[in-house]
Amino acid sequence: MLSGSARGVACAFDPQPAPVPLDALAAIHADQAKRLEATSHPARMRLLVASESAAFLVAAEMNRAGLPWRADVHRALLTEMLGERYAGRGQPRRLAELADAVSAAFGRRVRPELPADVIKAFAEAGIKLKSTRRWEIQELDHPAVAPLVEFKKLYRIYTAHGWSWLADWVHDGRFRPEFIPGGTYTGRWVTNGGGALQIPKVIRRAVVADPGWRLVVADADQMEPRVLAAISRDPAFMEVAGRPEDLYTSISRQGFSGDRDMAKLAVLGAVYGQTSGDGLKNLAALRRRFPRAVAYVDDAAKAGEEGRLVRTWLGRTCPPPAEPGEAEEAPDGWVPSYASTDARARGRFTRNFVVQGSAADWALLLLAALRQSIAAAGLRAELVFFQHDEVIVHCPQEEAPAVADAIRAAGELAGRITFGETPVRFPFTTAIVECYADAK
């Protein structure tokens, strides 16, 4: 450990790091404190900064612990779904059979993994396609559709979680992705390789707890609508979000004739900006019952359309819109929705940003509270996975009930710390399982 004026921090990538003088660290800290005090809500911003710091610690610990992964089960799954592997670089047997079936349906050789080849083949058959997305091709009346849809599903598993992925990412019974907190503009996490946040359910069968241990899998229930209730301070919406029942069922009784699906579409339409067709009618019903909640996202959308910035509850700021001409300079003319010069597209982004980003604020504090609770209780349990609104803890079987209680308590504590005292509840659907695939 460094001492005296030499004590400090150093660059992790420098083989011989130079110490940072203590007075320099003090100056940096003072400057940061000054910047925090200059924000609209200094206390909230300080909380965001602290929670981001805690999140990076949690991410590092999850990488060190690793998600339990049975490589033998994974290999058996791949063989079951894809068939035997051929020597060399050829596709496995089942994919080769499906590719042959697609080609036979078109009467010529077609490579189904190449979208341009598939679009050309359909065009020759008199069917015009814009893309080969499943929703666009699965309703077509052509003998190539069934094998093509099946090929696309299996090919994605083969390329994203096949034998090569297994060799690269799973070692000593653990999958250790590099989690990056705040990797998106809204504050949601990403991973640096490994596709940890997109593990197909069938592949989750390989995520198996160690002998005598269990996986406690907790999924936050209707998180974003509950967050909207908390940040909008809509009294009626907060009251509904505080009831001990399914949120959409509660909302369905407030002007939707008990139709849960309609209520869900209305809420998601408000958050994501669906304002056409039935979405517009449902949104109008939602606005009559919960005017402040809908006005909150409407105001965020208007700010985005006008090129203004919006912020999450704790103060994370959305990126600015693109400057004139930037769209033409971008590769292929593509510009992300947050930077779009199209006012409506940017409005949809900012409408969702204030909700999704505030939900990410809450999730950071959930993780910090859960980590603290596990450590304080002296449990052997380890946080091993997190994505958006789901957390997995790997623990000895006898600790599982205590871990489930800790997750529920951490969610409620995070709600109070993030949003203050509100009636809104943040419940979880929790499963204690040996295999991840059995959790849902």
Protein backbone atom coordinates (compact mmCIF):
# COMPACT_ATOMS: atom_id res chain seq x y z
CA MET A 1 0.00 0.00 0.00
CA LEU A 2 1.24 3.50 -0.81
CA SER A 3 1.70 5.91 2.08
CA GLY A 4 2.03 9.63 2.75
CA SER A 5 1.84 11.95 -0.24
CA ALA A 6 2.35 8.97 -2.56
CA ARG A 7 -0.96 7.35 -1.58
CA GLY A 8 -3.44 7.43 -4.47
CA VAL A 9 -4.89 5.58 -7.39
CA ALA A 10 -3.21 4.43 -10.55
CA CYS A 11 -4.06 3.40 -14.05
CA ALA A 12 -4.96 -0.30 -14.15
CA PHE A 13 -3.38 -0.65 -17.57
CA ASP A 14 0.04 0.72 -16.66
CA PRO A 15 2.51 -2.07 -15.83
CA GLN A 16 4.31 0.36 -13.48
CA PRO A 17 1.56 2.72 -12.35
CA ALA A 18 2.57 6.13 -11.16
CA PRO A 19 0.96 7.18 -7.85
CA VAL A 20 -1.37 10.15 -7.82
CA PRO A 21 -0.52 12.71 -5.12
CA LEU A 22 -3.07 13.02 -2.35
CA ASP A 23 -3.53 16.74 -2.94
CA ALA A 24 -4.38 16.05 -6.58
CA LEU A 25 -7.04 13.53 -5.51
CA ALA A 26 -8.44 16.05 -3.05
CA ALA A 27 -8.68 18.65 -5.82
CA ILE A 28 -10.47 16.19 -8.11
CA HIS A 29 -12.91 15.27 -5.35
CA ALA A 30 -13.59 18.93 -4.56
CA ASP A 31 -14.26 19.66 -8.22
CA GLN A 32 -16.64 16.72 -8.45
CA ALA A 33 -18.49 17.86 -5.32
CA LYS A 34 -18.81 21.35 -6.79
CA ARG A 35 -20.27 19.96 -10.01
CA LEU A 36 -22.75 17.81 -8.11
CA GLU A 37 -23.94 20.78 -6.07
CA ALA A 38 -24.56 22.73 -9.27
CA THR A 39 -27.14 20.21 -10.54
CA SER A 40 -30.89 20.66 -10.16
CA HIS A 41 -31.12 17.95 -7.51
CA PRO A 42 -27.70 17.53 -5.86
CA ALA A 43 -28.81 14.83 -3.42
CA ARG A 44 -30.19 12.69 -6.23
CA MET A 45 -27.09 13.17 -8.36
CA ARG A 46 -24.83 12.20 -5.46
CA LEU A 47 -26.91 9.07 -5.05
CA LEU A 48 -26.54 8.27 -8.75
CA VAL A 49 -22.77 8.68 -8.62
CA ALA A 50 -22.50 6.49 -5.53
CA SER A 51 -24.77 3.81 -6.98
CA GLU A 52 -22.78 3.72 -10.23
CA SER A 53 -19.63 3.14 -8.18
CA ALA A 54 -21.33 0.30 -6.30
CA ALA A 55 -22.52 -1.17 -9.60
CA PHE A 56 -18.99 -1.47 -10.95
CA LEU A 57 -17.99 -3.30 -7.78
CA VAL A 58 -20.96 -5.67 -8.15
CA ALA A 59 -20.07 -6.24 -11.82
CA ALA A 60 -16.48 -7.12 -10.93
CA GLU A 61 -17.63 -9.51 -8.23
CA MET A 62 -20.11 -11.21 -10.59
CA ASN A 63 -17.33 -11.71 -13.11
CA ARG A 64 -15.13 -13.24 -10.42
CA ALA A 65 -17.86 -15.58 -9.15
CA GLY A 66 -19.15 -16.56 -12.58
CA LEU A 67 -22.50 -18.03 -13.57
CA PRO A 68 -22.54 -21.83 -12.95
CA TRP A 69 -22.49 -23.53 -16.35
CA ARG A 70 -22.50 -27.24 -17.23
CA ALA A 71 -20.47 -27.59 -20.41
CA ASP A 72 -21.49 -31.26 -20.77
CA VAL A 73 -25.17 -30.33 -20.65
CA HIS A 74 -24.58 -27.55 -23.17
CA ARG A 75 -22.84 -29.92 -25.61
CA ALA A 76 -25.66 -32.44 -25.29
CA LEU A 77 -28.20 -29.70 -26.02
CA LEU A 78 -26.32 -28.62 -29.13
CA THR A 79 -26.14 -32.18 -30.43
CA GLU A 80 -29.84 -32.68 -29.67
CA MET A 81 -30.89 -29.52 -31.51
CA LEU A 82 -28.29 -29.25 -34.27
CA GLY A 83 -27.15 -32.80 -34.84
CA GLU A 84 -23.62 -34.08 -35.11
CA ARG A 85 -20.82 -31.76 -36.12
CA TYR A 86 -19.15 -32.45 -39.44
CA ALA A 87 -15.40 -32.34 -39.82
CA GLY A 88 -13.94 -29.04 -40.95
CA ARG A 89 -16.09 -25.93 -41.05
CA GLY A 90 -19.29 -27.46 -42.34
CA GLN A 91 -22.56 -26.76 -40.58
CA PRO A 92 -23.91 -29.47 -38.25
CA ARG A 93 -26.21 -32.13 -39.65
CA ARG A 94 -29.61 -30.58 -38.82
CA LEU A 95 -28.68 -27.20 -40.28
CA ALA A 96 -27.35 -28.89 -43.42
CA GLU A 97 -30.61 -30.82 -43.80
CA LEU A 98 -32.70 -27.67 -43.41
CA ALA A 99 -30.51 -25.79 -45.89
CA ASP A 100 -31.05 -28.61 -48.39
CA ALA A 101 -34.83 -28.43 -47.79
CA VAL A 102 -34.84 -24.67 -48.45
CA SER A 103 -32.87 -25.15 -51.64
CA ALA A 104 -35.19 -27.93 -52.79
CA ALA A 105 -38.22 -25.71 -52.24
CA PHE A 106 -36.75 -23.02 -54.50
CA GLY A 107 -35.45 -25.48 -57.08
CA ARG A 108 -31.88 -24.20 -56.84
CA ARG A 109 -29.10 -23.84 -54.33
CA VAL A 110 -29.91 -21.15 -51.73
CA ARG A 111 -27.85 -20.32 -48.68
CA PRO A 112 -30.46 -19.57 -45.98
CA GLU A 113 -27.94 -17.83 -43.71
CA LEU A 114 -27.50 -15.09 -46.34
CA PRO A 115 -30.47 -12.65 -46.37
CA ALA A 116 -29.66 -11.35 -49.85
CA ASP A 117 -29.71 -14.88 -51.24
CA VAL A 118 -33.09 -15.60 -49.62
CA ILE A 119 -34.65 -12.33 -50.77
CA LYS A 120 -33.46 -12.99 -54.32
CA ALA A 121 -34.88 -16.52 -54.28
CA PHE A 122 -38.28 -15.31 -53.10
CA ALA A 123 -38.23 -12.55 -55.74
CA GLU A 124 -37.66 -15.18 -58.41
CA ALA A 125 -40.72 -16.96 -57.01
CA GLY A 126 -42.78 -13.76 -57.38
CA ILE A 127 -42.69 -12.79 -53.69
CA LYS A 128 -41.21 -9.42 -52.78
CA LEU A 129 -39.58 -9.09 -49.34
CA LYS A 130 -37.93 -6.19 -47.56
CA SER A 131 -36.09 -8.42 -45.10
CA THR A 132 -35.89 -12.03 -43.91
CA ARG A 133 -37.17 -11.31 -40.41
CA ARG A 134 -39.33 -14.14 -39.13
CA TRP A 135 -42.47 -12.03 -38.75
CA GLU A 136 -42.24 -11.08 -42.43
CA ILE A 137 -41.74 -14.55 -43.89
CA GLN A 138 -43.63 -16.90 -41.57
CA GLU A 139 -47.06 -16.04 -43.02
CA LEU A 140 -45.98 -16.55 -46.64
CA ASP A 141 -47.49 -19.37 -48.68
CA HIS A 142 -44.35 -21.08 -49.96
CA PRO A 143 -42.79 -24.50 -49.20
CA ALA A 144 -39.49 -22.87 -48.24
CA VAL A 145 -41.01 -21.00 -45.28
CA ALA A 146 -41.16 -23.82 -42.71
CA PRO A 147 -37.56 -25.07 -43.14
CA LEU A 148 -36.30 -21.49 -43.44
CA VAL A 149 -37.92 -20.38 -40.15
CA GLU A 150 -36.53 -23.47 -38.40
CA PHE A 151 -33.09 -22.89 -39.92
CA LYS A 152 -32.99 -19.28 -38.76
CA LYS A 153 -33.89 -20.25 -35.19
CA LEU A 154 -31.25 -22.97 -34.97
CA TYR A 155 -28.63 -21.00 -36.88
CA ARG A 156 -28.82 -18.21 -34.32
CA ILE A 157 -28.14 -20.69 -31.53
CA TYR A 158 -25.31 -22.24 -33.55
CA THR A 159 -23.58 -18.89 -34.14
CA ALA A 160 -24.37 -17.17 -30.83
CA HIS A 161 -24.13 -20.07 -28.33
CA GLY A 162 -22.67 -22.97 -30.25
CA TRP A 163 -19.55 -25.05 -29.71
CA SER A 164 -17.19 -22.16 -30.45
CA TRP A 165 -18.95 -19.93 -27.91
CA LEU A 166 -18.71 -22.70 -25.32
CA ALA A 167 -14.97 -23.10 -25.89
CA ASP A 168 -14.38 -19.35 -25.67
CA TRP A 169 -16.55 -18.45 -22.68
CA VAL A 170 -17.06 -21.37 -20.32
CA HIS A 171 -14.12 -22.53 -18.20
CA ASP A 172 -13.95 -24.45 -14.92
CA GLY A 173 -17.73 -24.71 -14.76
CA ARG A 174 -18.35 -20.97 -14.96
CA PHE A 175 -19.45 -18.41 -17.55
CA ARG A 176 -17.76 -15.10 -16.75
CA PRO A 177 -19.00 -12.28 -18.98
CA GLU A 178 -17.60 -8.79 -18.52
CA PHE A 179 -20.56 -6.74 -17.30
CA ILE A 180 -20.44 -3.02 -18.09
CA PRO A 181 -22.78 -0.93 -15.90
CA GLY A 182 -24.30 2.06 -17.64
CA GLY A 183 -23.30 0.71 -21.05
CA THR A 184 -26.33 2.32 -22.68
CA TYR A 185 -27.54 5.91 -22.54
CA THR A 186 -30.43 4.96 -20.27
CA GLY A 187 -28.06 3.39 -17.75
CA ARG A 188 -28.89 -0.21 -18.59
CA TRP A 189 -26.02 -2.68 -18.51
CA VAL A 190 -24.31 -4.36 -21.44
CA THR A 191 -21.63 -7.03 -21.62
CA ASN A 192 -18.35 -6.98 -23.47
CA GLY A 193 -18.81 -10.16 -25.48
CA GLY A 194 -20.44 -13.44 -24.56
CA GLY A 195 -24.05 -12.36 -25.12
CA ALA A 196 -24.87 -12.84 -21.45
CA LEU A 197 -27.96 -10.61 -21.64
CA GLN A 198 -29.48 -12.70 -24.44
CA ILE A 199 -29.28 -16.29 -23.25
CA PRO A 200 -32.01 -18.31 -25.06
CA LYS A 201 -34.29 -20.27 -22.76
CA VAL A 202 -33.24 -23.59 -24.25
CA ILE A 203 -29.58 -22.80 -23.50
CA ARG A 204 -30.49 -21.86 -19.92
CA ARG A 205 -30.81 -25.60 -19.31
CA ALA A 206 -27.01 -25.59 -19.06
CA VAL A 207 -27.07 -23.07 -16.18
CA VAL A 208 -27.13 -25.48 -13.24
CA ALA A 209 -26.32 -24.80 -9.59
CA ASP A 210 -23.43 -26.61 -7.92
CA PRO A 211 -24.31 -29.74 -5.91
CA GLY A 212 -26.04 -28.71 -2.69
CA TRP A 213 -26.56 -25.17 -4.00
CA ARG A 214 -29.48 -23.39 -5.63
CA LEU A 215 -30.15 -20.50 -7.98
CA VAL A 216 -32.47 -17.83 -6.60
CA VAL A 217 -33.91 -16.16 -9.71
CA ALA A 218 -35.87 -12.97 -9.09
CA ASP A 219 -37.69 -11.01 -11.80
CA ALA A 220 -39.13 -7.59 -10.95
CA ASP A 221 -42.85 -7.44 -11.71
CA GLN A 222 -43.93 -4.73 -14.19
CA MET A 223 -40.99 -2.57 -13.21
CA GLU A 224 -41.29 0.27 -15.73
CA PRO A 225 -45.01 1.03 -15.09
CA ARG A 226 -44.31 1.07 -11.35
CA VAL A 227 -41.40 3.44 -11.94
CA LEU A 228 -43.68 5.70 -13.99
CA ALA A 229 -46.10 5.82 -11.07
CA ALA A 230 -43.27 6.82 -8.71
CA ILE A 231 -41.67 9.50 -10.89
CA SER A 232 -44.95 11.06 -12.10
CA ARG A 233 -46.37 11.28 -8.56
CA ASP A 234 -49.79 10.55 -10.03
CA PRO A 235 -51.88 9.82 -6.88
CA ALA A 236 -54.24 7.37 -8.59
CA PHE A 237 -51.46 5.53 -10.40
CA MET A 238 -49.36 5.28 -7.22
CA GLU A 239 -52.34 3.88 -5.35
CA VAL A 240 -52.87 1.20 -8.00
CA ALA A 241 -49.13 0.41 -8.10
CA GLY A 242 -49.20 -0.10 -4.36
CA ARG A 243 -51.84 -2.83 -4.34
CA PRO A 244 -50.79 -6.42 -3.57
CA GLU A 245 -51.91 -7.77 -6.94
CA ASP A 246 -50.91 -7.80 -10.59
CA LEU A 247 -50.54 -4.19 -11.73
CA TYR A 248 -52.20 -4.58 -15.13
CA THR A 249 -55.16 -6.37 -13.55
CA SER A 250 -55.59 -3.43 -11.19
CA ILE A 251 -55.37 -0.93 -14.04
CA SER A 252 -57.86 -2.92 -16.14
CA ARG A 253 -60.57 -2.04 -13.62
CA GLN A 254 -59.89 1.66 -14.12
CA GLY A 255 -61.67 2.27 -17.42
CA PHE A 256 -60.74 -0.88 -19.37
CA SER A 257 -63.72 -3.10 -18.43
CA GLY A 258 -61.44 -5.58 -16.71
CA ASP A 259 -59.51 -6.30 -19.92
CA ARG A 260 -55.94 -6.87 -18.68
CA ASP A 261 -54.41 -7.08 -22.16
CA MET A 262 -55.95 -3.76 -23.14
CA ALA A 263 -54.69 -2.13 -19.95
CA LYS A 264 -51.19 -3.46 -20.56
CA LEU A 265 -51.17 -2.16 -24.13
CA ALA A 266 -52.29 1.24 -22.89
CA VAL A 267 -49.50 1.51 -20.33
CA LEU A 268 -46.81 0.26 -22.69
CA GLY A 269 -48.17 2.57 -25.38
CA ALA A 270 -47.72 5.52 -23.04
CA VAL A 271 -44.16 4.51 -22.19
CA TYR A 272 -43.06 3.60 -25.71
CA GLY A 273 -45.10 6.04 -27.73
CA GLN A 274 -47.66 3.93 -29.56
CA THR A 275 -50.15 6.60 -30.55
CA SER A 276 -51.95 5.11 -33.56
CA GLY A 277 -54.91 2.76 -34.01
CA ASP A 278 -56.09 1.08 -30.83
CA GLY A 279 -53.02 2.47 -29.06
CA LEU A 280 -54.42 5.99 -29.37
CA LYS A 281 -57.82 4.93 -27.98
CA ASN A 282 -56.23 3.05 -25.09
CA LEU A 283 -53.94 5.96 -24.32
CA ALA A 284 -56.92 8.31 -24.14
CA ALA A 285 -58.56 6.02 -21.58
CA LEU A 286 -55.34 5.90 -19.58
CA ARG A 287 -55.03 9.68 -19.69
CA ARG A 288 -58.52 10.14 -18.28
CA ARG A 289 -57.77 7.89 -15.30
CA PHE A 290 -54.10 8.75 -14.71
CA PRO A 291 -53.58 12.25 -16.16
CA ARG A 292 -50.35 13.11 -14.33
CA ALA A 293 -48.65 9.86 -15.32
CA VAL A 294 -49.46 10.28 -19.00
CA ALA A 295 -48.59 13.99 -18.88
CA TYR A 296 -45.16 13.10 -17.48
CA VAL A 297 -44.18 11.02 -20.51
CA ASP A 298 -46.00 13.40 -22.88
CA ASP A 299 -43.88 16.27 -21.55
CA ALA A 300 -40.72 14.21 -21.99
CA ALA A 301 -41.70 13.44 -25.58
CA LYS A 302 -42.39 17.10 -26.28
CA ALA A 303 -39.00 18.07 -24.85
CA GLY A 304 -37.32 15.57 -27.15
CA GLU A 305 -39.23 16.77 -30.19
CA GLU A 306 -38.10 20.32 -29.43
CA GLY A 307 -34.47 19.25 -29.12
CA ARG A 308 -34.33 19.72 -25.35
CA LEU A 309 -32.74 17.32 -22.87
CA VAL A 310 -34.56 15.12 -20.37
CA ARG A 311 -33.26 13.38 -17.26
CA THR A 312 -33.92 10.29 -15.22
CA TRP A 313 -35.18 10.66 -11.66
CA LEU A 314 -31.65 10.67 -10.25
CA GLY A 315 -30.33 12.96 -12.96
CA ARG A 316 -28.83 10.89 -15.79
CA THR A 317 -29.11 13.09 -18.88
CA CYS A 318 -30.13 11.93 -22.32
CA PRO A 319 -27.76 12.62 -25.23
CA PRO A 320 -28.38 15.72 -27.37
CA PRO A 321 -30.01 15.52 -30.81
CA ALA A 322 -27.88 15.31 -33.91
CA GLU A 323 -26.59 18.49 -35.47
CA PRO A 324 -27.81 19.29 -39.00
CA GLY A 325 -25.85 17.22 -41.49
CA GLU A 326 -24.74 14.52 -39.07
CA ALA A 327 -27.26 12.04 -40.45
CA GLU A 328 -25.74 12.33 -43.90
CA GLU A 329 -22.26 11.75 -42.49
CA ALA A 330 -23.19 8.62 -40.53
CA PRO A 331 -22.40 5.18 -42.01
CA ASP A 332 -25.23 4.09 -44.31
CA GLY A 333 -27.09 7.24 -43.28
CA TRP A 334 -28.16 5.59 -40.01
CA VAL A 335 -28.52 7.69 -36.88
CA PRO A 336 -29.79 6.28 -33.55
CA SER A 337 -33.22 7.45 -32.43
CA TYR A 338 -31.86 9.64 -29.62
CA ALA A 339 -29.90 11.69 -32.16
CA SER A 340 -32.47 11.58 -34.94
CA THR A 341 -33.31 14.81 -36.70
CA ASP A 342 -36.84 13.42 -36.99
CA ALA A 343 -38.66 15.13 -34.14
CA ARG A 344 -41.17 12.35 -33.57
CA ALA A 345 -38.47 9.67 -33.40
CA ARG A 346 -36.52 11.64 -30.85
CA GLY A 347 -39.73 12.30 -28.90
CA ARG A 348 -40.39 8.57 -28.67
CA PHE A 349 -36.84 8.10 -27.39
CA THR A 350 -37.08 10.75 -24.67
CA ARG A 351 -40.55 9.54 -23.68
CA ASN A 352 -39.10 6.12 -22.87
CA PHE A 353 -35.78 7.46 -21.58
CA VAL A 354 -37.26 9.07 -18.46
CA VAL A 355 -38.95 5.80 -17.50
CA GLN A 356 -36.40 3.21 -18.57
CA GLY A 357 -33.54 5.32 -17.25
CA SER A 358 -35.24 5.84 -13.89
CA ALA A 359 -35.83 2.10 -13.71
CA ALA A 360 -32.08 1.65 -14.26
CA ASP A 361 -31.49 4.12 -11.39
CA TRP A 362 -33.63 1.91 -9.14
CA ALA A 363 -31.86 -1.26 -10.28
CA LEU A 364 -28.45 0.12 -9.28
CA LEU A 365 -29.65 0.70 -5.75
CA LEU A 366 -31.33 -2.71 -5.69
CA LEU A 367 -27.99 -4.37 -6.43
CA ALA A 368 -26.14 -2.26 -3.87
CA ALA A 369 -28.74 -3.00 -1.18
CA LEU A 370 -28.78 -6.72 -1.98
CA ARG A 371 -24.98 -6.99 -1.91
CA GLN A 372 -24.87 -5.18 1.42
CA SER A 373 -27.61 -7.40 2.88
CA ILE A 374 -25.86 -10.63 1.83
CA ALA A 375 -22.55 -9.46 3.27
CA ALA A 376 -24.11 -8.24 6.53
CA ALA A 377 -25.83 -11.58 7.07
CA GLY A 378 -22.56 -13.45 6.56
CA LEU A 379 -24.07 -15.60 3.79
CA ARG A 380 -21.98 -17.60 1.33
CA ALA A 381 -24.38 -16.53 -1.41
CA GLU A 382 -22.96 -14.84 -4.51
CA LEU A 383 -24.54 -12.45 -6.97
CA VAL A 384 -23.84 -14.09 -10.34
CA PHE A 385 -26.15 -12.49 -12.93
CA PHE A 386 -28.14 -9.33 -13.60
CA GLN A 387 -30.08 -8.03 -16.58
CA HIS A 388 -32.41 -5.03 -16.52
CA ASP A 389 -35.00 -6.33 -14.05
CA GLU A 390 -33.74 -9.81 -13.22
CA VAL A 391 -31.13 -10.93 -10.72
CA ILE A 392 -29.69 -14.37 -9.96
CA VAL A 393 -28.00 -15.35 -6.72
CA HIS A 394 -26.10 -18.65 -6.37
CA CYS A 395 -26.22 -19.93 -2.81
CA PRO A 396 -26.18 -23.01 -0.59
CA GLN A 397 -29.60 -24.66 -0.53
CA GLU A 398 -30.19 -23.78 3.12
CA GLU A 399 -29.57 -20.06 2.43
CA ALA A 400 -32.06 -19.83 -0.45
CA PRO A 401 -35.11 -18.68 1.61
CA ALA A 402 -33.03 -15.96 3.31
CA VAL A 403 -31.70 -14.82 -0.07
CA ALA A 404 -35.23 -14.61 -1.51
CA ASP A 405 -36.27 -12.48 1.48
CA ALA A 406 -33.19 -10.29 1.01
CA ILE A 407 -34.06 -9.66 -2.63
CA ARG A 408 -37.60 -8.61 -1.78
CA ALA A 409 -36.37 -6.31 0.99
CA ALA A 410 -33.68 -4.82 -1.28
CA GLY A 411 -36.29 -4.01 -3.94
CA GLU A 412 -38.49 -2.13 -1.48
CA LEU A 413 -35.50 -0.35 0.09
CA ALA A 414 -34.24 0.68 -3.35
CA GLY A 415 -37.70 2.09 -4.10
CA ARG A 416 -37.68 4.24 -0.98
CA ILE A 417 -34.10 5.44 -1.45
CA THR A 418 -34.56 6.21 -5.13
CA PHE A 419 -38.02 7.77 -5.20
CA GLY A 420 -38.69 8.67 -1.58
CA GLU A 421 -41.69 7.53 0.43
CA THR A 422 -44.45 6.57 -2.01
CA PRO A 423 -47.22 3.94 -1.94
CA VAL A 424 -45.59 2.19 -4.93
CA ARG A 425 -44.49 -1.41 -4.37
CA PHE A 426 -41.62 -3.11 -6.23
CA PRO A 427 -42.41 -6.84 -5.91
CA PHE A 428 -40.56 -9.78 -7.46
CA THR A 429 -41.52 -13.12 -8.91
CA THR A 430 -38.91 -15.35 -7.28
CA ALA A 431 -38.00 -18.97 -7.98
CA ILE A 432 -35.57 -21.22 -6.13
CA VAL A 433 -34.30 -23.76 -8.68
CA GLU A 434 -31.40 -25.99 -9.56
CA CYS A 435 -31.60 -25.07 -13.27
CA TYR A 436 -32.12 -21.55 -14.66
CA ALA A 437 -34.51 -22.81 -17.34
CA ASP A 438 -36.95 -23.96 -14.62
CA ALA A 439 -37.34 -20.44 -13.22
CA LYS A 440 -39.92 -19.32 -15.78
